[in-house]
Amino acid sequence: MSAPMGQPRLRLPQQIRTGEIIEIRTLISHIMETGQRRNAEGQIVPRDIIKSFVCRFDGQEVFSMELAPAIAANPYIAFPLKVEGPGTLELVWTNDAGEERRATAQLRPA
């Protein structure tokens, strides 16, 4: 059984201008169990990681990454995004069990 993913946190700049490159910063709570460790009874603890992250702006993929067992618990992800105009930012995390967590934000550049 996989551990539940926490609610994602998303941090954006206070003010955004059209054409500006901003930094998207996000964090999600998750144990990121590698499948290499043993429990107190000597049994292998099953692998349980967030395996992918995708960011879309108005439905178009602008950033994605595949995560591996070597990624630390509670993954923090930061990346640049050039904001060409207003739209919806959607971030999606998917774990080994196929469960997803989403965060969305409306970007309204000045």
PDB file of N, CA and C in Angstrom:
ATOM      1  N   MET A   1       0.840  -1.183   0.000  1.00  0.00           N
ATOM      2  CA  MET A   1       0.000   0.000   0.000  1.00  0.00           C
ATOM      3  C   MET A   1       0.881   1.240   0.000  1.00  0.00           C
ATOM      4  N   SER A   2       0.573   2.194  -0.827  1.00  0.00           N
ATOM      5  CA  SER A   2       1.391   3.397  -0.912  1.00  0.00           C
ATOM      6  C   SER A   2       0.975   4.406   0.153  1.00  0.00           C
ATOM      7  N   ALA A   3       1.946   5.222   0.550  1.00  0.00           N
ATOM      8  CA  ALA A   3       1.671   6.297   1.495  1.00  0.00           C
ATOM      9  C   ALA A   3       0.969   7.422   0.748  1.00  0.00           C
ATOM     10  N   PRO A   4       0.058   8.107   1.410  1.00  0.00           N
ATOM     11  CA  PRO A   4      -0.634   9.188   0.717  1.00  0.00           C
ATOM     12  C   PRO A   4       0.301  10.358   0.414  1.00  0.00           C
ATOM     13  N   MET A   5       0.075  10.966  -0.720  1.00  0.00           N
ATOM     14  CA  MET A   5       0.809  12.189  -1.061  1.00  0.00           C
ATOM     15  C   MET A   5       0.130  13.330  -0.330  1.00  0.00           C
ATOM     16  N   GLY A   6       0.914  14.286   0.116  1.00  0.00           N
ATOM     17  CA  GLY A   6       0.352  15.471   0.749  1.00  0.00           C
ATOM     18  C   GLY A   6      -0.182  16.441  -0.282  1.00  0.00           C
ATOM     19  N   GLN A   7      -0.727  17.523   0.207  1.00  0.00           N
ATOM     20  CA  GLN A   7      -1.196  18.566  -0.700  1.00  0.00           C
ATOM     21  C   GLN A   7       0.001  19.373  -1.188  1.00  0.00           C
ATOM     22  N   PRO A   8       0.104  19.600  -2.471  1.00  0.00           N
ATOM     23  CA  PRO A   8       1.232  20.362  -3.013  1.00  0.00           C
ATOM     24  C   PRO A   8       1.155  21.831  -2.607  1.00  0.00           C
ATOM     25  N   ARG A   9       2.333  22.424  -2.476  1.00  0.00           N
ATOM     26  CA  ARG A   9       2.425  23.858  -2.221  1.00  0.00           C
ATOM     27  C   ARG A   9       3.074  24.501  -3.440  1.00  0.00           C
ATOM     28  N   LEU A  10       2.597  25.669  -3.779  1.00  0.00           N
ATOM     29  CA  LEU A  10       3.061  26.381  -4.966  1.00  0.00           C
ATOM     30  C   LEU A  10       3.365  27.816  -4.580  1.00  0.00           C
ATOM     31  N   ARG A  11       4.543  28.301  -4.965  1.00  0.00           N
ATOM     32  CA  ARG A  11       4.907  29.686  -4.677  1.00  0.00           C
ATOM     33  C   ARG A  11       5.222  30.391  -5.991  1.00  0.00           C
ATOM     34  N   LEU A  12       4.542  31.524  -6.172  1.00  0.00           N
ATOM     35  CA  LEU A  12       4.718  32.354  -7.364  1.00  0.00           C
ATOM     36  C   LEU A  12       5.097  33.770  -6.933  1.00  0.00           C
ATOM     37  N   PRO A  13       5.706  34.539  -7.819  1.00  0.00           N
ATOM     38  CA  PRO A  13       6.001  35.936  -7.488  1.00  0.00           C
ATOM     39  C   PRO A  13       4.707  36.723  -7.238  1.00  0.00           C
ATOM     40  N   GLN A  14       4.791  37.757  -6.419  1.00  0.00           N
ATOM     41  CA  GLN A  14       3.625  38.603  -6.125  1.00  0.00           C
ATOM     42  C   GLN A  14       3.110  39.304  -7.373  1.00  0.00           C
ATOM     43  N   GLN A  15       4.050  39.842  -8.168  1.00  0.00           N
ATOM     44  CA  GLN A  15       3.669  40.548  -9.382  1.00  0.00           C
ATOM     45  C   GLN A  15       4.380  39.920 -10.576  1.00  0.00           C
ATOM     46  N   ILE A  16       3.645  39.824 -11.672  1.00  0.00           N
ATOM     47  CA  ILE A  16       4.185  39.226 -12.898  1.00  0.00           C
ATOM     48  C   ILE A  16       3.906  40.188 -14.047  1.00  0.00           C
ATOM     49  N   ARG A  17       4.905  40.369 -14.902  1.00  0.00           N
ATOM     50  CA  ARG A  17       4.729  41.207 -16.096  1.00  0.00           C
ATOM     51  C   ARG A  17       4.766  40.325 -17.344  1.00  0.00           C
ATOM     52  N   THR A  18       4.009  40.691 -18.343  1.00  0.00           N
ATOM     53  CA  THR A  18       4.009  39.966 -19.605  1.00  0.00           C
ATOM     54  C   THR A  18       5.426  39.937 -20.184  1.00  0.00           C
ATOM     55  N   GLY A  19       5.872  38.755 -20.616  1.00  0.00           N
ATOM     56  CA  GLY A  19       7.195  38.583 -21.193  1.00  0.00           C
ATOM     57  C   GLY A  19       8.279  38.310 -20.160  1.00  0.00           C
ATOM     58  N   GLU A  20       7.933  38.379 -18.896  1.00  0.00           N
ATOM     59  CA  GLU A  20       8.903  38.171 -17.821  1.00  0.00           C
ATOM     60  C   GLU A  20       9.151  36.678 -17.590  1.00  0.00           C
ATOM     61  N   ILE A  21      10.377  36.350 -17.213  1.00  0.00           N
ATOM     62  CA  ILE A  21      10.706  34.987 -16.817  1.00  0.00           C
ATOM     63  C   ILE A  21      10.607  34.928 -15.298  1.00  0.00           C
ATOM     64  N   ILE A  22       9.730  34.063 -14.806  1.00  0.00           N
ATOM     65  CA  ILE A  22       9.526  33.919 -13.362  1.00  0.00           C
ATOM     66  C   ILE A  22      10.025  32.550 -12.912  1.00  0.00           C
ATOM     67  N   GLU A  23      10.193  32.394 -11.621  1.00  0.00           N
ATOM     68  CA  GLU A  23      10.568  31.099 -11.072  1.00  0.00           C
ATOM     69  C   GLU A  23       9.349  30.467 -10.417  1.00  0.00           C
ATOM     70  N   ILE A  24       9.019  29.267 -10.855  1.00  0.00           N
ATOM     71  CA  ILE A  24       7.949  28.471 -10.254  1.00  0.00           C
ATOM     72  C   ILE A  24       8.611  27.615  -9.182  1.00  0.00           C
ATOM     73  N   ARG A  25       8.104  27.659  -7.962  1.00  0.00           N
ATOM     74  CA  ARG A  25       8.648  26.841  -6.870  1.00  0.00           C
ATOM     75  C   ARG A  25       7.510  26.037  -6.262  1.00  0.00           C
ATOM     76  N   THR A  26       7.750  24.739  -6.111  1.00  0.00           N
ATOM     77  CA  THR A  26       6.712  23.866  -5.592  1.00  0.00           C
ATOM     78  C   THR A  26       7.314  22.772  -4.712  1.00  0.00           C
ATOM     79  N   LEU A  27       6.523  22.334  -3.759  1.00  0.00           N
ATOM     80  CA  LEU A  27       6.935  21.314  -2.802  1.00  0.00           C
ATOM     81  C   LEU A  27       5.734  20.413  -2.544  1.00  0.00           C
ATOM     82  N   ILE A  28       5.996  19.101  -2.427  1.00  0.00           N
ATOM     83  CA  ILE A  28       4.933  18.162  -2.078  1.00  0.00           C
ATOM     84  C   ILE A  28       5.462  17.207  -1.013  1.00  0.00           C
ATOM     85  N   SER A  29       4.615  16.881  -0.048  1.00  0.00           N
ATOM     86  CA  SER A  29       4.998  15.944   1.012  1.00  0.00           C
ATOM     87  C   SER A  29       4.813  14.510   0.529  1.00  0.00           C
ATOM     88  N   HIS A  30       5.893  13.727   0.599  1.00  0.00           N
ATOM     89  CA  HIS A  30       5.834  12.323   0.209  1.00  0.00           C
ATOM     90  C   HIS A  30       7.078  11.629   0.746  1.00  0.00           C
ATOM     91  N   ILE A  31       6.940  10.359   1.165  1.00  0.00           N
ATOM     92  CA  ILE A  31       8.062   9.648   1.792  1.00  0.00           C
ATOM     93  C   ILE A  31       9.160   9.249   0.818  1.00  0.00           C
ATOM     94  N   MET A  32       8.814   9.050  -0.450  1.00  0.00           N
ATOM     95  CA  MET A  32       9.778   8.646  -1.487  1.00  0.00           C
ATOM     96  C   MET A  32      10.568   7.404  -1.040  1.00  0.00           C
ATOM     97  N   GLU A  33       9.868   6.337  -0.743  1.00  0.00           N
ATOM     98  CA  GLU A  33      10.481   5.071  -0.295  1.00  0.00           C
ATOM     99  C   GLU A  33      11.144   4.385  -1.493  1.00  0.00           C
ATOM    100  N   THR A  34      12.417   4.047  -1.375  1.00  0.00           N
ATOM    101  CA  THR A  34      13.213   3.538  -2.497  1.00  0.00           C
ATOM    102  C   THR A  34      12.959   2.078  -2.858  1.00  0.00           C
ATOM    103  N   GLY A  35      12.455   1.282  -1.919  1.00  0.00           N
ATOM    104  CA  GLY A  35      12.311  -0.155  -2.155  1.00  0.00           C
ATOM    105  C   GLY A  35      13.578  -0.916  -1.817  1.00  0.00           C
ATOM    106  N   GLN A  36      14.559  -0.248  -1.242  1.00  0.00           N
ATOM    107  CA  GLN A  36      15.839  -0.854  -0.880  1.00  0.00           C
ATOM    108  C   GLN A  36      15.956  -1.135   0.627  1.00  0.00           C
ATOM    109  N   ARG A  37      15.097  -0.515   1.425  1.00  0.00           N
ATOM    110  CA  ARG A  37      15.189  -0.590   2.869  1.00  0.00           C
ATOM    111  C   ARG A  37      14.387  -1.770   3.414  1.00  0.00           C
ATOM    112  N   ARG A  38      14.775  -2.260   4.588  1.00  0.00           N
ATOM    113  CA  ARG A  38      14.035  -3.339   5.256  1.00  0.00           C
ATOM    114  C   ARG A  38      13.384  -2.804   6.524  1.00  0.00           C
ATOM    115  N   ASN A  39      12.242  -3.385   6.880  1.00  0.00           N
ATOM    116  CA  ASN A  39      11.563  -2.982   8.107  1.00  0.00           C
ATOM    117  C   ASN A  39      12.129  -3.767   9.299  1.00  0.00           C
ATOM    118  N   ALA A  40      11.547  -3.603  10.481  1.00  0.00           N
ATOM    119  CA  ALA A  40      12.035  -4.250  11.702  1.00  0.00           C
ATOM    120  C   ALA A  40      11.976  -5.777  11.610  1.00  0.00           C
ATOM    121  N   GLU A  41      11.079  -6.320  10.800  1.00  0.00           N
ATOM    122  CA  GLU A  41      10.948  -7.770  10.628  1.00  0.00           C
ATOM    123  C   GLU A  41      11.873  -8.300   9.534  1.00  0.00           C
ATOM    124  N   GLY A  42      12.635  -7.439   8.896  1.00  0.00           N
ATOM    125  CA  GLY A  42      13.567  -7.855   7.855  1.00  0.00           C
ATOM    126  C   GLY A  42      12.964  -7.919   6.464  1.00  0.00           C
ATOM    127  N   GLN A  43      11.712  -7.518   6.326  1.00  0.00           N
ATOM    128  CA  GLN A  43      11.059  -7.533   5.011  1.00  0.00           C
ATOM    129  C   GLN A  43      11.364  -6.231   4.266  1.00  0.00           C
ATOM    130  N   ILE A  44      11.484  -6.338   2.960  1.00  0.00           N
ATOM    131  CA  ILE A  44      11.743  -5.146   2.143  1.00  0.00           C
ATOM    132  C   ILE A  44      10.501  -4.255   2.149  1.00  0.00           C
ATOM    133  N   VAL A  45      10.735  -2.973   2.417  1.00  0.00           N
ATOM    134  CA  VAL A  45       9.660  -1.986   2.353  1.00  0.00           C
ATOM    135  C   VAL A  45       9.429  -1.679   0.879  1.00  0.00           C
ATOM    136  N   PRO A  46       8.210  -1.855   0.384  1.00  0.00           N
ATOM    137  CA  PRO A  46       7.953  -1.666  -1.059  1.00  0.00           C
ATOM    138  C   PRO A  46       8.278  -0.249  -1.539  1.00  0.00           C
ATOM    139  N   ARG A  47       8.728  -0.183  -2.780  1.00  0.00           N
ATOM    140  CA  ARG A  47       9.013   1.101  -3.412  1.00  0.00           C
ATOM    141  C   ARG A  47       7.734   1.928  -3.471  1.00  0.00           C
ATOM    142  N   ASP A  48       7.849   3.205  -3.174  1.00  0.00           N
ATOM    143  CA  ASP A  48       6.717   4.125  -3.235  1.00  0.00           C
ATOM    144  C   ASP A  48       7.275   5.521  -3.477  1.00  0.00           C
ATOM    145  N   ILE A  49       7.345   5.917  -4.741  1.00  0.00           N
ATOM    146  CA  ILE A  49       7.882   7.231  -5.080  1.00  0.00           C
ATOM    147  C   ILE A  49       6.910   7.994  -5.972  1.00  0.00           C
ATOM    148  N   ILE A  50       7.102   9.295  -6.009  1.00  0.00           N
ATOM    149  CA  ILE A  50       6.447  10.101  -7.031  1.00  0.00           C
ATOM    150  C   ILE A  50       7.303   9.911  -8.273  1.00  0.00           C
ATOM    151  N   LYS A  51       6.707   9.386  -9.319  1.00  0.00           N
ATOM    152  CA  LYS A  51       7.515   9.035 -10.486  1.00  0.00           C
ATOM    153  C   LYS A  51       7.529  10.106 -11.569  1.00  0.00           C
ATOM    154  N   SER A  52       6.548  11.010 -11.566  1.00  0.00           N
ATOM    155  CA  SER A  52       6.583  12.044 -12.603  1.00  0.00           C
ATOM    156  C   SER A  52       5.955  13.342 -12.109  1.00  0.00           C
ATOM    157  N   PHE A  53       6.404  14.418 -12.723  1.00  0.00           N
ATOM    158  CA  PHE A  53       5.892  15.760 -12.461  1.00  0.00           C
ATOM    159  C   PHE A  53       5.735  16.457 -13.802  1.00  0.00           C
ATOM    160  N   VAL A  54       4.584  17.105 -14.009  1.00  0.00           N
ATOM    161  CA  VAL A  54       4.315  17.824 -15.259  1.00  0.00           C
ATOM    162  C   VAL A  54       3.708  19.175 -14.912  1.00  0.00           C
ATOM    163  N   CYS A  55       4.162  20.202 -15.613  1.00  0.00           N
ATOM    164  CA  CYS A  55       3.576  21.534 -15.492  1.00  0.00           C
ATOM    165  C   CYS A  55       3.028  21.925 -16.859  1.00  0.00           C
ATOM    166  N   ARG A  56       1.782  22.409 -16.870  1.00  0.00           N
ATOM    167  CA  ARG A  56       1.155  22.879 -18.104  1.00  0.00           C
ATOM    168  C   ARG A  56       0.692  24.318 -17.911  1.00  0.00           C
ATOM    169  N   PHE A  57       0.791  25.089 -18.974  1.00  0.00           N
ATOM    170  CA  PHE A  57       0.256  26.446 -18.972  1.00  0.00           C
ATOM    171  C   PHE A  57      -0.787  26.508 -20.070  1.00  0.00           C
ATOM    172  N   ASP A  58      -2.019  26.740 -19.682  1.00  0.00           N
ATOM    173  CA  ASP A  58      -3.165  26.710 -20.607  1.00  0.00           C
ATOM    174  C   ASP A  58      -3.195  25.435 -21.438  1.00  0.00           C
ATOM    175  N   GLY A  59      -2.931  24.301 -20.768  1.00  0.00           N
ATOM    176  CA  GLY A  59      -3.018  22.998 -21.416  1.00  0.00           C
ATOM    177  C   GLY A  59      -1.777  22.572 -22.163  1.00  0.00           C
ATOM    178  N   GLN A  60      -0.817  23.451 -22.358  1.00  0.00           N
ATOM    179  CA  GLN A  60       0.414  23.118 -23.078  1.00  0.00           C
ATOM    180  C   GLN A  60       1.517  22.794 -22.072  1.00  0.00           C
ATOM    181  N   GLU A  61       2.144  21.635 -22.258  1.00  0.00           N
ATOM    182  CA  GLU A  61       3.224  21.234 -21.356  1.00  0.00           C
ATOM    183  C   GLU A  61       4.405  22.175 -21.505  1.00  0.00           C
ATOM    184  N   VAL A  62       4.845  22.742 -20.356  1.00  0.00           N
ATOM    185  CA  VAL A  62       5.975  23.669 -20.380  1.00  0.00           C
ATOM    186  C   VAL A  62       7.174  23.133 -19.591  1.00  0.00           C
ATOM    187  N   PHE A  63       6.955  22.125 -18.753  1.00  0.00           N
ATOM    188  CA  PHE A  63       8.041  21.524 -17.985  1.00  0.00           C
ATOM    189  C   PHE A  63       7.580  20.152 -17.519  1.00  0.00           C
ATOM    190  N   SER A  64       8.499  19.166 -17.562  1.00  0.00           N
ATOM    191  CA  SER A  64       8.191  17.850 -17.008  1.00  0.00           C
ATOM    192  C   SER A  64       9.480  17.195 -16.557  1.00  0.00           C
ATOM    193  N   MET A  65       9.339  16.238 -15.654  1.00  0.00           N
ATOM    194  CA  MET A  65      10.504  15.485 -15.206  1.00  0.00           C
ATOM    195  C   MET A  65      10.066  14.141 -14.667  1.00  0.00           C
ATOM    196  N   GLU A  66      10.957  13.170 -14.807  1.00  0.00           N
ATOM    197  CA  GLU A  66      10.766  11.849 -14.226  1.00  0.00           C
ATOM    198  C   GLU A  66      11.606  11.807 -12.959  1.00  0.00           C
ATOM    199  N   LEU A  67      11.003  11.368 -11.865  1.00  0.00           N
ATOM    200  CA  LEU A  67      11.718  11.278 -10.602  1.00  0.00           C
ATOM    201  C   LEU A  67      12.168   9.842 -10.376  1.00  0.00           C
ATOM    202  N   ALA A  68      13.247   9.660  -9.636  1.00  0.00           N
ATOM    203  CA  ALA A  68      13.837   8.345  -9.393  1.00  0.00           C
ATOM    204  C   ALA A  68      13.906   8.097  -7.882  1.00  0.00           C
ATOM    205  N   PRO A  69      14.172   6.844  -7.490  1.00  0.00           N
ATOM    206  CA  PRO A  69      14.249   6.545  -6.058  1.00  0.00           C
ATOM    207  C   PRO A  69      15.302   7.360  -5.310  1.00  0.00           C
ATOM    208  N   ALA A  70      16.291   7.894  -5.987  1.00  0.00           N
ATOM    209  CA  ALA A  70      17.342   8.666  -5.321  1.00  0.00           C
ATOM    210  C   ALA A  70      16.883  10.067  -4.907  1.00  0.00           C
ATOM    211  N   ILE A  71      15.702  10.499  -5.319  1.00  0.00           N
ATOM    212  CA  ILE A  71      15.183  11.814  -4.943  1.00  0.00           C
ATOM    213  C   ILE A  71      14.757  11.777  -3.478  1.00  0.00           C
ATOM    214  N   ALA A  72      15.109  12.807  -2.734  1.00  0.00           N
ATOM    215  CA  ALA A  72      14.807  12.884  -1.306  1.00  0.00           C
ATOM    216  C   ALA A  72      13.302  12.965  -1.053  1.00  0.00           C
ATOM    217  N   ALA A  73      12.925  12.638   0.165  1.00  0.00           N
ATOM    218  CA  ALA A  73      11.529  12.780   0.588  1.00  0.00           C
ATOM    219  C   ALA A  73      11.107  14.241   0.437  1.00  0.00           C
ATOM    220  N   ASN A  74       9.820  14.458   0.255  1.00  0.00           N
ATOM    221  CA  ASN A  74       9.241  15.793   0.141  1.00  0.00           C
ATOM    222  C   ASN A  74       9.920  16.596  -0.981  1.00  0.00           C
ATOM    223  N   PRO A  75       9.809  16.125  -2.225  1.00  0.00           N
ATOM    224  CA  PRO A  75      10.523  16.762  -3.332  1.00  0.00           C
ATOM    225  C   PRO A  75      10.163  18.241  -3.526  1.00  0.00           C
ATOM    226  N   TYR A  76      11.203  19.038  -3.668  1.00  0.00           N
ATOM    227  CA  TYR A  76      11.106  20.466  -3.974  1.00  0.00           C
ATOM    228  C   TYR A  76      11.554  20.633  -5.423  1.00  0.00           C
ATOM    229  N   ILE A  77      10.745  21.314  -6.218  1.00  0.00           N
ATOM    230  CA  ILE A  77      11.058  21.515  -7.631  1.00  0.00           C
ATOM    231  C   ILE A  77      10.965  23.009  -7.934  1.00  0.00           C
ATOM    232  N   ALA A  78      11.959  23.539  -8.623  1.00  0.00           N
ATOM    233  CA  ALA A  78      11.952  24.940  -9.047  1.00  0.00           C
ATOM    234  C   ALA A  78      12.413  25.002 -10.501  1.00  0.00           C
ATOM    235  N   PHE A  79      11.751  25.829 -11.292  1.00  0.00           N
ATOM    236  CA  PHE A  79      12.104  25.960 -12.703  1.00  0.00           C
ATOM    237  C   PHE A  79      11.609  27.306 -13.228  1.00  0.00           C
ATOM    238  N   PRO A  80      12.244  27.818 -14.298  1.00  0.00           N
ATOM    239  CA  PRO A  80      11.821  29.101 -14.870  1.00  0.00           C
ATOM    240  C   PRO A  80      10.652  28.920 -15.838  1.00  0.00           C
ATOM    241  N   LEU A  81       9.866  29.977 -15.964  1.00  0.00           N
ATOM    242  CA  LEU A  81       8.748  29.992 -16.913  1.00  0.00           C
ATOM    243  C   LEU A  81       8.612  31.403 -17.465  1.00  0.00           C
ATOM    244  N   LYS A  82       8.593  31.512 -18.789  1.00  0.00           N
ATOM    245  CA  LYS A  82       8.356  32.815 -19.420  1.00  0.00           C
ATOM    246  C   LYS A  82       6.857  32.993 -19.583  1.00  0.00           C
ATOM    247  N   VAL A  83       6.337  34.057 -19.014  1.00  0.00           N
ATOM    248  CA  VAL A  83       4.896  34.311 -19.022  1.00  0.00           C
ATOM    249  C   VAL A  83       4.564  35.236 -20.189  1.00  0.00           C
ATOM    250  N   GLU A  84       3.905  34.687 -21.197  1.00  0.00           N
ATOM    251  CA  GLU A  84       3.563  35.452 -22.401  1.00  0.00           C
ATOM    252  C   GLU A  84       2.211  36.154 -22.286  1.00  0.00           C
ATOM    253  N   GLY A  85       1.415  35.765 -21.302  1.00  0.00           N
ATOM    254  CA  GLY A  85       0.106  36.373 -21.129  1.00  0.00           C
ATOM    255  C   GLY A  85      -0.647  35.667 -20.019  1.00  0.00           C
ATOM    256  N   PRO A  86      -1.890  36.040 -19.790  1.00  0.00           N
ATOM    257  CA  PRO A  86      -2.667  35.407 -18.730  1.00  0.00           C
ATOM    258  C   PRO A  86      -3.016  33.961 -19.077  1.00  0.00           C
ATOM    259  N   GLY A  87      -3.206  33.152 -18.041  1.00  0.00           N
ATOM    260  CA  GLY A  87      -3.586  31.762 -18.266  1.00  0.00           C
ATOM    261  C   GLY A  87      -3.569  30.959 -16.990  1.00  0.00           C
ATOM    262  N   THR A  88      -3.871  29.674 -17.128  1.00  0.00           N
ATOM    263  CA  THR A  88      -3.936  28.760 -16.000  1.00  0.00           C
ATOM    264  C   THR A  88      -2.693  27.899 -15.950  1.00  0.00           C
ATOM    265  N   LEU A  89      -2.050  27.892 -14.805  1.00  0.00           N
ATOM    266  CA  LEU A  89      -0.885  27.057 -14.547  1.00  0.00           C
ATOM    267  C   LEU A  89      -1.377  25.823 -13.807  1.00  0.00           C
ATOM    268  N   GLU A  90      -1.042  24.628 -14.324  1.00  0.00           N
ATOM    269  CA  GLU A  90      -1.451  23.370 -13.691  1.00  0.00           C
ATOM    270  C   GLU A  90      -0.219  22.515 -13.458  1.00  0.00           C
ATOM    271  N   LEU A  91      -0.067  22.030 -12.216  1.00  0.00           N
ATOM    272  CA  LEU A  91       1.037  21.155 -11.851  1.00  0.00           C
ATOM    273  C   LEU A  91       0.460  19.814 -11.437  1.00  0.00           C
ATOM    274  N   VAL A  92       1.049  18.712 -11.930  1.00  0.00           N
ATOM    275  CA  VAL A  92       0.530  17.371 -11.659  1.00  0.00           C
ATOM    276  C   VAL A  92       1.671  16.450 -11.231  1.00  0.00           C
ATOM    277  N   TRP A  93       1.514  15.818 -10.069  1.00  0.00           N
ATOM    278  CA  TRP A  93       2.452  14.822  -9.559  1.00  0.00           C
ATOM    279  C   TRP A  93       1.770  13.468  -9.651  1.00  0.00           C
ATOM    280  N   THR A  94       2.488  12.413 -10.083  1.00  0.00           N
ATOM    281  CA  THR A  94       1.931  11.067 -10.192  1.00  0.00           C
ATOM    282  C   THR A  94       2.864  10.098  -9.477  1.00  0.00           C
ATOM    283  N   ASN A  95       2.291   9.242  -8.593  1.00  0.00           N
ATOM    284  CA  ASN A  95       3.131   8.279  -7.872  1.00  0.00           C
ATOM    285  C   ASN A  95       3.090   6.911  -8.546  1.00  0.00           C
ATOM    286  N   ASP A  96       3.823   5.947  -7.960  1.00  0.00           N
ATOM    287  CA  ASP A  96       3.899   4.587  -8.513  1.00  0.00           C
ATOM    288  C   ASP A  96       2.534   3.924  -8.645  1.00  0.00           C
ATOM    289  N   ALA A  97       1.605   4.256  -7.746  1.00  0.00           N
ATOM    290  CA  ALA A  97       0.276   3.648  -7.767  1.00  0.00           C
ATOM    291  C   ALA A  97      -0.657   4.317  -8.782  1.00  0.00           C
ATOM    292  N   GLY A  98      -0.165   5.349  -9.468  1.00  0.00           N
ATOM    293  CA  GLY A  98      -0.994   6.047 -10.456  1.00  0.00           C
ATOM    294  C   GLY A  98      -1.839   7.156  -9.857  1.00  0.00           C
ATOM    295  N   GLU A  99      -1.699   7.407  -8.561  1.00  0.00           N
ATOM    296  CA  GLU A  99      -2.448   8.486  -7.919  1.00  0.00           C
ATOM    297  C   GLU A  99      -1.836   9.823  -8.312  1.00  0.00           C
ATOM    298  N   GLU A 100      -2.696  10.818  -8.451  1.00  0.00           N
ATOM    299  CA  GLU A 100      -2.242  12.148  -8.842  1.00  0.00           C
ATOM    300  C   GLU A 100      -2.629  13.186  -7.805  1.00  0.00           C
ATOM    301  N   ARG A 101      -1.794  14.199  -7.699  1.00  0.00           N
ATOM    302  CA  ARG A 101      -2.120  15.396  -6.940  1.00  0.00           C
ATOM    303  C   ARG A 101      -1.923  16.560  -7.892  1.00  0.00           C
ATOM    304  N   ARG A 102      -2.821  17.539  -7.797  1.00  0.00           N
ATOM    305  CA  ARG A 102      -2.786  18.681  -8.700  1.00  0.00           C
ATOM    306  C   ARG A 102      -2.800  19.990  -7.912  1.00  0.00           C
ATOM    307  N   ALA A 103      -2.167  20.968  -8.497  1.00  0.00           N
ATOM    308  CA  ALA A 103      -2.240  22.341  -8.003  1.00  0.00           C
ATOM    309  C   ALA A 103      -2.444  23.227  -9.216  1.00  0.00           C
ATOM    310  N   THR A 104      -3.306  24.229  -9.093  1.00  0.00           N
ATOM    311  CA  THR A 104      -3.533  25.158 -10.191  1.00  0.00           C
ATOM    312  C   THR A 104      -3.452  26.592  -9.666  1.00  0.00           C
ATOM    313  N   ALA A 105      -3.119  27.476 -10.561  1.00  0.00           N
ATOM    314  CA  ALA A 105      -3.075  28.902 -10.235  1.00  0.00           C
ATOM    315  C   ALA A 105      -3.364  29.704 -11.500  1.00  0.00           C
ATOM    316  N   GLN A 106      -4.034  30.807 -11.320  1.00  0.00           N
ATOM    317  CA  GLN A 106      -4.290  31.720 -12.434  1.00  0.00           C
ATOM    318  C   GLN A 106      -3.162  32.737 -12.481  1.00  0.00           C
ATOM    319  N   LEU A 107      -2.517  32.876 -13.643  1.00  0.00           N
ATOM    320  CA  LEU A 107      -1.484  33.888 -13.821  1.00  0.00           C
ATOM    321  C   LEU A 107      -2.108  35.047 -14.563  1.00  0.00           C
ATOM    322  N   ARG A 108      -2.000  36.225 -13.965  1.00  0.00           N
ATOM    323  CA  ARG A 108      -2.564  37.443 -14.573  1.00  0.00           C
ATOM    324  C   ARG A 108      -1.479  38.505 -14.614  1.00  0.00           C
ATOM    325  N   PRO A 109      -0.633  38.448 -15.640  1.00  0.00           N
ATOM    326  CA  PRO A 109       0.448  39.441 -15.702  1.00  0.00           C
ATOM    327  C   PRO A 109      -0.096  40.849 -15.948  1.00  0.00           C
ATOM    328  N   ALA A 110       0.660  41.819 -15.456  1.00  0.00           N
ATOM    329  CA  ALA A 110       0.279  43.220 -15.623  1.00  0.00           C
ATOM    330  C   ALA A 110       0.698  43.721 -16.997  1.00  0.00           C
TER     331      ALA A 110
END
